[in-house]
Amino acid sequence: MANKYFGTDGIRGEANAHPLDCETAIHVGRAIAAFFDGDDSTGRFIIAQDTRISGDMLVSAICAGICSMGKSVHTAGVIPTPAVASLTRKGGFDAGIMISASHNPFADNGIKLFNGEGFKLSDADEAEIEKKIESTAPRNAKGETIQRVGQVHRVKDAEPQYTDFLKATAVSSGLSLNGVKIVIDGSNGAASRIAPALFTDLGATVIPIFCQPDGLNINEGCGSQHPETLAKTVIAEKAKLGLAFDGDADRLIAVDETGKVLTGDQVIAICARYMKTKKTLTNSVVVTTIMSNMGLGIALEKMGIKHIKAGVGDRYVMQEMMQAGAVLGGEDSGHMIFLDRHTTGDGMLAALNLATAMDSEKRPLSELSRVMEVFPQCLVNVNVRSKPELDTVDAIRSAIDRVEGELGSRGRVLVRYSGTQPQCRVMVEGPTKEMTHSLCQRIASAVRNSLG
């Protein structure tokens, strides 16, 4: 096959360039329609987008491709990625499609897919769709031109449907936010309107920042990737909590009342402890990725919770969760899955669960976060021209071996390619911040000199 379209999380790239150009997007739409054209297919799809200026273009192209195959598609406008998963399942759609590049800058975009049950597709399913992208024509199974094309419909209540789902979760857990001051960073993305409204409706006093998207400012110096302004605002406003989402609101990064930024692992540890106390942590197991901080594993072990590590990507976390019967999993980057509530990572659902732990225990977030000690960690993203097997590049392999020898049992090294960007991610954990940074830069230099 000439192209590989899917990466770690859907199809990702620069908008208006292959594979995120209009022509390819039409073929992607046809391939999606063809793939889900089974015996029990209703021929109905739902599609939504984040706030990127290129979203309208790609939604239109994919809709055209789906309609050319005689299928109908329902557009839901700007809503978070987890809302698409929820609406797909609730509405009985064959599949859900989200146009978003998550935490990437506005110039990028992407295509994320959910099956009719609201789960992301398997590698095997994505491989089948890839085959169809370059071979599917607007013809039926008999090879005849499709005369009766599909139509595009508008979902008018997509946002309220999703908000009601989140509110029901809050009510069932007994969450009370009356009088609690919260700063919300919407990353100028899909959470910009819905998140402040949700937490206000739940009784909180909300200070919104970066909630004025213009199509170009999504993730720009804000959101889960850049919580610095959020931290300063929490201190200035004397808020109890700061919440930062990414462009499509499937990630959460939290800030405590002192302005300290918590990692995704810390939030997982807090939720794991609370859920075990409430006896809702099914099978007493938590699933994260190989990127998780060493401190999380130590904290979970002290709590008597089994820790399973999956490959990088929330799809692989989900696979391990289902196999282990786990209800809590996620990534240090802020993706968190509460499988007893939802079928995918959800930033706002994670925020509600974190707020519930705070409310139930009547303790500030700074105290709750002490459940886990964060080991010094350095992560460097190196732009690369190509992605050969790392073990075949002698300079990189030698640098990794030397660093691992110096660390011994006091830390670890993880070097891998990004599944969504032309980058190599170098991560080192160690006993001190200085040593960790120095060793990480040593490996990053070897990667840069060899592949940059």
Protein backbone atom coordinates (compact mmCIF):
# COMPACT_ATOMS: atom_id res chain seq x y z
CA MET A 1 0.00 0.00 0.00
CA ALA A 2 1.33 3.44 -0.93
CA ASN A 3 0.40 5.28 2.24
CA LYS A 4 -0.07 4.62 5.91
CA TYR A 5 -2.70 6.99 7.17
CA PHE A 6 -3.39 6.07 10.80
CA GLY A 7 -1.01 6.87 13.64
CA THR A 8 -1.31 6.56 17.40
CA ASP A 9 -4.63 8.40 17.46
CA GLY A 10 -6.34 8.51 14.09
CA ILE A 11 -5.13 10.27 10.96
CA ARG A 12 -3.03 13.33 11.78
CA GLY A 13 -1.12 15.91 9.75
CA GLU A 14 -0.97 19.42 8.37
CA ALA A 15 -4.37 20.67 7.26
CA ASN A 16 -4.83 21.13 3.49
CA ALA A 17 -1.89 18.82 2.77
CA HIS A 18 -1.99 15.07 2.23
CA PRO A 19 -3.56 13.17 3.97
CA LEU A 20 -5.60 16.06 5.43
CA ASP A 21 -6.43 17.64 2.07
CA CYS A 22 -9.97 17.75 0.65
CA GLU A 23 -9.43 15.10 -2.00
CA THR A 24 -8.08 12.55 0.47
CA ALA A 25 -10.75 13.43 3.05
CA ILE A 26 -13.45 12.59 0.49
CA HIS A 27 -11.81 9.19 -0.02
CA VAL A 28 -11.59 8.72 3.75
CA GLY A 29 -15.33 9.43 3.97
CA ARG A 30 -16.04 6.83 1.28
CA ALA A 31 -13.79 4.30 3.00
CA ILE A 32 -15.54 4.83 6.33
CA ALA A 33 -18.95 4.35 4.72
CA ALA A 34 -17.77 1.22 2.92
CA PHE A 35 -16.14 -0.28 6.01
CA PHE A 36 -19.27 0.09 8.14
CA ASP A 37 -21.58 -1.19 5.38
CA GLY A 38 -22.44 -4.44 7.17
CA ASP A 39 -25.66 -6.41 7.38
CA ASP A 40 -26.78 -4.51 10.49
CA SER A 41 -25.64 -1.11 9.19
CA THR A 42 -28.13 1.73 9.37
CA GLY A 43 -26.06 3.91 7.06
CA ARG A 44 -25.93 6.71 9.63
CA PHE A 45 -22.82 8.54 10.82
CA ILE A 46 -22.17 11.47 13.16
CA ILE A 47 -19.33 13.94 12.74
CA ALA A 48 -18.06 16.86 14.84
CA GLN A 49 -15.02 19.13 15.07
CA ASP A 50 -12.95 21.29 17.35
CA THR A 51 -12.41 25.02 16.74
CA ARG A 52 -9.67 24.89 14.08
CA ILE A 53 -10.29 27.00 11.01
CA SER A 54 -9.74 23.94 8.80
CA GLY A 55 -12.50 21.97 10.53
CA ASP A 56 -15.32 23.11 8.27
CA MET A 57 -13.36 22.16 5.17
CA LEU A 58 -12.61 18.63 6.36
CA VAL A 59 -16.09 18.03 7.74
CA SER A 60 -17.57 19.04 4.38
CA ALA A 61 -15.20 16.78 2.47
CA ILE A 62 -15.83 13.73 4.63
CA CYS A 63 -19.58 14.34 4.51
CA ALA A 64 -19.34 14.46 0.71
CA GLY A 65 -17.50 11.15 0.67
CA ILE A 66 -20.02 9.46 2.95
CA CYS A 67 -23.01 10.83 1.01
CA SER A 68 -21.50 9.68 -2.29
CA MET A 69 -21.76 6.13 -0.93
CA GLY A 70 -25.47 6.52 -0.31
CA LYS A 71 -25.14 6.98 3.46
CA SER A 72 -26.39 9.77 5.71
CA VAL A 73 -24.23 11.86 8.01
CA HIS A 74 -25.25 14.06 10.95
CA THR A 75 -23.10 17.07 11.83
CA ALA A 76 -22.83 18.02 15.51
CA GLY A 77 -20.74 21.20 15.21
CA VAL A 78 -18.05 22.06 17.74
CA ILE A 79 -18.09 19.59 20.64
CA PRO A 80 -15.39 17.63 22.53
CA THR A 81 -14.12 14.31 21.22
CA PRO A 82 -15.64 12.32 24.11
CA ALA A 83 -19.01 13.89 23.28
CA VAL A 84 -18.81 12.28 19.84
CA ALA A 85 -18.22 8.87 21.41
CA SER A 86 -21.18 9.37 23.75
CA LEU A 87 -23.54 10.58 21.03
CA THR A 88 -22.50 7.78 18.68
CA ARG A 89 -23.45 5.14 21.20
CA LYS A 90 -26.59 6.88 22.44
CA GLY A 91 -27.87 7.77 18.96
CA GLY A 92 -27.38 4.35 17.41
CA PHE A 93 -24.97 5.60 14.73
CA ASP A 94 -22.75 3.21 12.80
CA ALA A 95 -19.70 5.29 13.62
CA GLY A 96 -18.60 8.62 15.03
CA ILE A 97 -16.01 10.89 13.43
CA MET A 98 -14.11 13.70 15.17
CA ILE A 99 -12.11 16.27 13.22
CA SER A 100 -9.34 17.36 15.56
CA ALA A 101 -5.59 17.30 16.05
CA SER A 102 -6.04 17.28 19.82
CA HIS A 103 -3.20 19.26 21.47
CA ASN A 104 -1.41 20.11 18.20
CA PRO A 105 -1.25 23.70 16.86
CA PHE A 106 -4.02 25.11 14.65
CA ALA A 107 -2.21 24.38 11.37
CA ASP A 108 -2.63 20.64 11.98
CA ASN A 109 -5.81 18.62 11.98
CA GLY A 110 -6.87 15.00 12.25
CA ILE A 111 -9.58 12.39 11.90
CA LYS A 112 -10.53 10.24 14.88
CA LEU A 113 -12.99 7.35 14.57
CA PHE A 114 -15.33 5.57 16.98
CA ASN A 115 -17.37 2.47 16.32
CA GLY A 116 -21.09 2.23 17.05
CA GLU A 117 -20.41 1.34 20.68
CA GLY A 118 -18.33 4.48 21.24
CA PHE A 119 -14.91 2.80 21.28
CA LYS A 120 -11.91 3.78 19.16
CA LEU A 121 -11.12 1.38 16.36
CA SER A 122 -8.61 -1.45 16.60
CA ASP A 123 -5.41 -1.54 14.57
CA ALA A 124 -6.98 -4.22 12.39
CA ASP A 125 -10.05 -2.08 11.66
CA GLU A 126 -7.88 0.91 10.80
CA ALA A 127 -5.81 -1.27 8.46
CA GLU A 128 -8.97 -2.31 6.62
CA ILE A 129 -10.09 1.31 6.25
CA GLU A 130 -6.63 2.22 4.94
CA LYS A 131 -7.01 -0.37 2.18
CA LYS A 132 -10.34 1.13 1.20
CA ILE A 133 -9.12 4.76 1.17
CA GLU A 134 -7.22 4.24 -2.06
CA SER A 135 -9.56 1.75 -3.68
CA THR A 136 -13.15 2.63 -2.79
CA ALA A 137 -15.25 4.27 -5.51
CA PRO A 138 -18.83 5.58 -5.20
CA ARG A 139 -20.34 2.29 -6.35
CA ASN A 140 -22.42 -0.38 -4.69
CA ALA A 141 -21.46 -4.02 -4.15
CA LYS A 142 -22.50 -4.83 -7.74
CA GLY A 143 -20.16 -2.20 -9.12
CA GLU A 144 -23.03 0.07 -10.15
CA THR A 145 -22.93 3.84 -9.72
CA ILE A 146 -24.89 4.87 -6.62
CA GLN A 147 -27.89 6.86 -7.78
CA ARG A 148 -29.51 7.56 -4.43
CA VAL A 149 -26.89 9.56 -2.54
CA GLY A 150 -27.02 10.28 1.18
CA GLN A 151 -27.93 13.51 2.92
CA VAL A 152 -26.39 15.73 5.60
CA HIS A 153 -28.45 16.47 8.70
CA ARG A 154 -27.78 18.73 11.66
CA VAL A 155 -27.75 17.54 15.28
CA LYS A 156 -29.24 20.55 17.06
CA ASP A 157 -28.88 19.37 20.66
CA ALA A 158 -25.43 17.73 20.65
CA GLU A 159 -23.98 19.96 23.35
CA PRO A 160 -26.94 19.67 25.79
CA GLN A 161 -27.00 15.89 25.35
CA TYR A 162 -23.36 15.64 26.37
CA THR A 163 -23.76 18.15 29.22
CA ASP A 164 -26.69 16.16 30.60
CA PHE A 165 -24.52 13.02 30.58
CA LEU A 166 -21.81 14.81 32.59
CA LYS A 167 -24.30 16.34 35.01
CA ALA A 168 -25.84 12.93 35.66
CA THR A 169 -22.38 11.66 36.59
CA ALA A 170 -21.91 14.54 39.03
CA VAL A 171 -25.31 14.01 40.62
CA SER A 172 -24.82 10.26 41.03
CA SER A 173 -21.53 10.83 42.86
CA GLY A 174 -23.05 13.47 45.16
CA LEU A 175 -20.68 16.20 43.99
CA SER A 176 -21.28 19.68 45.44
CA LEU A 177 -19.37 22.65 44.02
CA ASN A 178 -21.41 25.40 45.65
CA GLY A 179 -19.15 28.38 46.27
CA VAL A 180 -16.00 26.65 44.99
CA LYS A 181 -13.90 28.97 42.83
CA ILE A 182 -12.46 27.23 39.78
CA VAL A 183 -10.33 28.62 36.94
CA ILE A 184 -10.98 26.88 33.62
CA ASP A 185 -8.57 27.02 30.67
CA GLY A 186 -10.48 25.94 27.56
CA SER A 187 -7.38 26.01 25.33
CA ASN A 188 -9.49 28.06 22.89
CA GLY A 189 -10.85 24.72 21.80
CA ALA A 190 -13.89 22.50 22.05
CA ALA A 191 -14.23 22.98 25.83
CA SER A 192 -14.33 26.78 25.62
CA ARG A 193 -18.09 27.11 26.00
CA ILE A 194 -19.23 23.83 27.46
CA ALA A 195 -16.76 23.51 30.38
CA PRO A 196 -17.41 26.91 32.02
CA ALA A 197 -21.17 26.41 31.58
CA LEU A 198 -21.06 22.90 33.08
CA PHE A 199 -19.17 23.85 36.22
CA THR A 200 -21.24 27.00 36.67
CA ASP A 201 -24.43 24.93 36.49
CA LEU A 202 -22.96 22.65 39.18
CA GLY A 203 -22.63 25.61 41.53
CA ALA A 204 -19.00 26.63 41.10
CA THR A 205 -17.75 30.18 40.69
CA VAL A 206 -15.94 29.93 37.36
CA ILE A 207 -13.18 32.16 36.01
CA PRO A 208 -12.73 31.21 32.33
CA ILE A 209 -9.47 31.87 30.48
CA PHE A 210 -8.55 31.03 26.88
CA CYS A 211 -12.19 30.40 26.07
CA GLN A 212 -12.47 32.69 23.03
CA PRO A 213 -11.54 30.61 19.98
CA ASP A 214 -11.00 32.34 16.65
CA GLY A 215 -9.97 29.32 14.59
CA LEU A 216 -6.28 30.14 14.85
CA ASN A 217 -5.56 30.34 18.59
CA ILE A 218 -6.38 26.78 19.64
CA ASN A 219 -3.69 25.42 22.03
CA GLU A 220 -1.64 28.58 21.50
CA GLY A 221 0.29 29.11 24.74
CA CYS A 222 -2.59 27.64 26.73
CA GLY A 223 -4.44 24.47 27.65
CA SER A 224 -3.05 21.18 28.89
CA GLN A 225 0.29 21.73 27.13
CA HIS A 226 0.84 25.22 28.56
CA PRO A 227 -0.75 25.56 32.04
CA GLU A 228 1.53 28.39 33.19
CA THR A 229 -1.08 31.14 32.86
CA LEU A 230 -3.66 28.92 34.52
CA ALA A 231 -1.37 28.42 37.53
CA LYS A 232 -0.79 32.16 37.88
CA THR A 233 -4.51 32.87 37.60
CA VAL A 234 -5.37 30.29 40.28
CA ILE A 235 -3.03 32.09 42.70
CA ALA A 236 -4.22 35.58 41.74
CA GLU A 237 -7.90 34.63 42.08
CA LYS A 238 -7.35 32.55 45.25
CA ALA A 239 -9.14 29.69 43.51
CA LYS A 240 -9.43 26.16 44.91
CA LEU A 241 -8.77 24.43 41.61
CA GLY A 242 -7.51 25.02 38.08
CA LEU A 243 -8.55 22.86 35.12
CA ALA A 244 -6.82 22.89 31.73
CA PHE A 245 -8.14 20.97 28.73
CA ASP A 246 -6.62 20.41 25.31
CA GLY A 247 -8.09 21.34 21.95
CA ASP A 248 -10.66 18.55 21.82
CA ALA A 249 -11.09 18.23 25.61
CA ASP A 250 -10.11 14.59 26.00
CA ARG A 251 -7.17 15.59 28.23
CA LEU A 252 -7.07 17.20 31.65
CA ILE A 253 -4.24 18.85 33.53
CA ALA A 254 -5.07 20.13 37.02
CA VAL A 255 -3.57 22.93 39.15
CA ASP A 256 -3.89 22.94 42.94
CA GLU A 257 -4.72 25.94 45.14
CA THR A 258 -1.01 26.82 45.54
CA GLY A 259 -0.52 27.07 41.77
CA LYS A 260 1.31 23.77 41.47
CA VAL A 261 0.66 21.87 38.24
CA LEU A 262 -0.23 18.21 38.79
CA THR A 263 0.69 15.51 36.31
CA GLY A 264 -1.87 13.18 34.80
CA ASP A 265 -0.33 10.39 36.87
CA GLN A 266 -1.01 12.31 40.07
CA VAL A 267 -4.66 12.77 39.14
CA ILE A 268 -4.90 9.04 38.39
CA ALA A 269 -3.35 8.24 41.77
CA ILE A 270 -5.83 10.52 43.57
CA CYS A 271 -8.80 9.00 41.76
CA ALA A 272 -7.50 5.46 42.30
CA ARG A 273 -7.20 6.03 46.05
CA TYR A 274 -10.67 7.57 46.25
CA MET A 275 -12.29 4.84 44.15
CA LYS A 276 -10.66 2.09 46.20
CA THR A 277 -11.93 3.74 49.40
CA LYS A 278 -15.44 3.81 47.91
CA LYS A 279 -15.06 0.22 46.66
CA THR A 280 -15.67 1.27 43.05
CA LEU A 281 -12.19 0.38 41.74
CA THR A 282 -13.20 -2.91 40.14
CA ASN A 283 -10.58 -5.67 40.54
CA SER A 284 -8.32 -3.12 42.30
CA VAL A 285 -6.32 -2.53 39.12
CA VAL A 286 -5.17 0.57 37.23
CA VAL A 287 -3.84 0.63 33.66
CA THR A 288 -1.43 3.30 32.38
CA THR A 289 1.28 3.42 29.72
CA ILE A 290 4.99 2.78 29.73
CA MET A 291 5.41 6.57 29.91
CA SER A 292 3.96 6.76 33.43
CA ASN A 293 6.19 8.12 36.17
CA MET A 294 7.92 5.58 38.40
CA GLY A 295 6.27 7.26 41.36
CA LEU A 296 2.82 6.16 40.24
CA GLY A 297 3.74 2.49 40.34
CA ILE A 298 5.19 2.90 43.83
CA ALA A 299 2.09 4.76 45.05
CA LEU A 300 -0.29 2.14 43.63
CA GLU A 301 1.73 -0.68 45.16
CA LYS A 302 1.48 0.98 48.59
CA MET A 303 -2.29 1.19 48.13
CA GLY A 304 -2.49 -2.49 47.23
CA ILE A 305 -3.53 -1.72 43.65
CA LYS A 306 -2.24 -3.73 40.70
CA HIS A 307 -0.53 -1.61 38.05
CA ILE A 308 -0.61 -2.72 34.40
CA LYS A 309 1.38 -0.83 31.74
CA ALA A 310 0.22 -0.64 28.12
CA GLY A 311 1.77 0.76 24.97
CA VAL A 312 1.55 4.50 24.34
CA GLY A 313 -1.91 5.62 23.23
CA ASP A 314 -5.27 5.58 24.97
CA ARG A 315 -6.52 2.84 22.61
CA TYR A 316 -3.92 0.46 24.03
CA VAL A 317 -4.76 1.51 27.57
CA MET A 318 -8.39 0.70 26.81
CA GLN A 319 -7.50 -2.73 25.42
CA GLU A 320 -5.59 -3.64 28.58
CA MET A 321 -8.39 -2.25 30.76
CA MET A 322 -10.99 -4.42 29.10
CA GLN A 323 -8.79 -7.50 29.35
CA ALA A 324 -8.08 -6.87 33.05
CA GLY A 325 -11.60 -5.78 33.95
CA ALA A 326 -10.29 -2.37 35.04
CA VAL A 327 -12.41 0.77 35.29
CA LEU A 328 -9.59 3.32 35.68
CA GLY A 329 -6.73 3.96 33.30
CA GLY A 330 -4.93 6.72 31.49
CA GLU A 331 -1.77 8.52 30.49
CA ASP A 332 0.51 10.97 32.25
CA SER A 333 -0.30 13.43 29.45
CA GLY A 334 -3.80 13.85 30.89
CA HIS A 335 -5.87 11.25 29.04
CA MET A 336 -7.98 9.47 31.66
CA ILE A 337 -10.53 6.72 31.10
CA PHE A 338 -13.29 5.93 33.58
CA LEU A 339 -14.72 2.83 31.93
CA ASP A 340 -17.60 2.54 34.38
CA ARG A 341 -18.80 5.88 33.01
CA HIS A 342 -17.53 6.26 29.46
CA THR A 343 -15.90 4.42 26.55
CA THR A 344 -13.06 6.84 25.93
CA GLY A 345 -10.80 9.40 27.59
CA ASP A 346 -12.75 12.44 28.75
CA GLY A 347 -11.15 15.57 30.23
CA MET A 348 -14.33 16.95 31.77
CA LEU A 349 -15.36 13.60 33.22
CA ALA A 350 -11.88 13.33 34.77
CA ALA A 351 -12.28 16.83 36.20
CA LEU A 352 -15.60 15.87 37.78
CA ASN A 353 -14.08 12.75 39.34
CA LEU A 354 -11.16 14.77 40.71
CA ALA A 355 -13.53 17.40 42.13
CA THR A 356 -15.61 14.60 43.68
CA ALA A 357 -12.55 13.25 45.52
CA MET A 358 -11.80 16.75 46.84
CA ASP A 359 -15.40 17.33 47.89
CA SER A 360 -15.80 13.93 49.53
CA GLU A 361 -12.56 14.05 51.51
CA LYS A 362 -12.86 17.77 52.32
CA ARG A 363 -9.16 18.21 51.63
CA PRO A 364 -7.40 20.64 49.29
CA LEU A 365 -5.84 19.28 46.13
CA SER A 366 -2.33 20.04 47.39
CA GLU A 367 -2.86 17.51 50.20
CA LEU A 368 -4.49 14.88 48.02
CA SER A 369 -1.59 15.02 45.54
CA ARG A 370 0.83 13.82 48.23
CA VAL A 371 -0.46 10.31 47.63
CA MET A 372 2.24 10.12 44.94
CA GLU A 373 5.85 11.27 44.83
CA VAL A 374 6.80 12.41 41.34
CA PHE A 375 10.24 11.24 40.32
CA PRO A 376 12.31 13.84 38.40
CA GLN A 377 11.53 13.35 34.73
CA CYS A 378 12.82 15.02 31.58
CA LEU A 379 11.07 14.72 28.22
CA VAL A 380 12.60 16.13 25.04
CA ASN A 381 10.89 16.01 21.63
CA VAL A 382 13.41 15.94 18.77
CA ASN A 383 12.28 16.67 15.21
CA VAL A 384 13.41 13.90 12.86
CA ARG A 385 13.60 13.47 9.09
CA SER A 386 12.89 9.73 9.18
CA LYS A 387 12.00 6.99 11.65
CA PRO A 388 14.35 4.01 11.30
CA GLU A 389 14.36 1.34 14.01
CA LEU A 390 16.23 2.96 16.89
CA ASP A 391 18.25 -0.17 17.59
CA THR A 392 19.75 0.08 14.09
CA VAL A 393 21.24 3.55 14.71
CA ASP A 394 24.52 2.88 16.50
CA ALA A 395 25.02 6.38 17.94
CA ILE A 396 21.56 6.42 19.51
CA ARG A 397 21.80 2.85 20.81
CA SER A 398 25.21 3.59 22.37
CA ALA A 399 23.94 6.79 24.04
CA ILE A 400 20.96 4.94 25.53
CA ASP A 401 23.17 2.10 26.79
CA ARG A 402 25.57 4.51 28.50
CA VAL A 403 22.78 6.45 30.18
CA GLU A 404 21.06 3.27 31.37
CA GLY A 405 24.39 2.12 32.78
CA GLU A 406 24.79 5.34 34.78
CA LEU A 407 21.23 5.21 36.12
CA GLY A 408 21.20 1.54 37.08
CA SER A 409 18.16 0.87 39.28
CA ARG A 410 17.79 4.57 40.15
CA GLY A 411 15.84 5.47 37.03
CA ARG A 412 14.83 4.50 33.53
CA VAL A 413 15.05 5.54 29.88
CA LEU A 414 12.34 5.46 27.23
CA VAL A 415 12.98 6.55 23.64
CA ARG A 416 10.24 6.21 21.03
CA TYR A 417 8.84 7.91 17.95
CA SER A 418 5.68 9.98 18.09
CA GLY A 419 2.73 8.32 16.42
CA THR A 420 1.26 11.65 15.31
CA GLN A 421 4.24 13.94 14.56
CA PRO A 422 7.70 13.69 12.91
CA GLN A 423 9.39 13.56 16.30
CA CYS A 424 11.37 11.24 18.53
CA ARG A 425 10.44 11.46 22.21
CA VAL A 426 13.29 11.02 24.68
CA MET A 427 12.27 10.47 28.30
CA VAL A 428 14.58 9.94 31.26
CA GLU A 429 13.70 9.53 34.94
CA GLY A 430 16.35 9.68 37.63
CA PRO A 431 17.21 10.49 41.23
CA THR A 432 17.77 14.25 40.77
CA LYS A 433 16.46 16.91 38.41
CA GLU A 434 19.96 17.94 37.33
CA MET A 435 21.14 14.42 36.54
CA THR A 436 17.90 13.56 34.75
CA HIS A 437 18.09 16.66 32.54
CA SER A 438 21.74 16.10 31.68
CA LEU A 439 21.26 12.45 30.71
CA CYS A 440 18.13 13.21 28.69
CA GLN A 441 19.92 15.93 26.71
CA ARG A 442 22.76 13.52 25.99
CA ILE A 443 20.42 11.05 24.29
CA ALA A 444 18.48 13.84 22.58
CA SER A 445 21.72 15.16 21.06
CA ALA A 446 22.51 11.73 19.67
CA VAL A 447 19.03 11.54 18.11
CA ARG A 448 19.34 15.06 16.73
CA ASN A 449 22.78 14.42 15.22
CA SER A 450 21.68 11.13 13.66
CA LEU A 451 18.14 11.88 12.47
CA GLY A 452 17.47 15.62 12.80
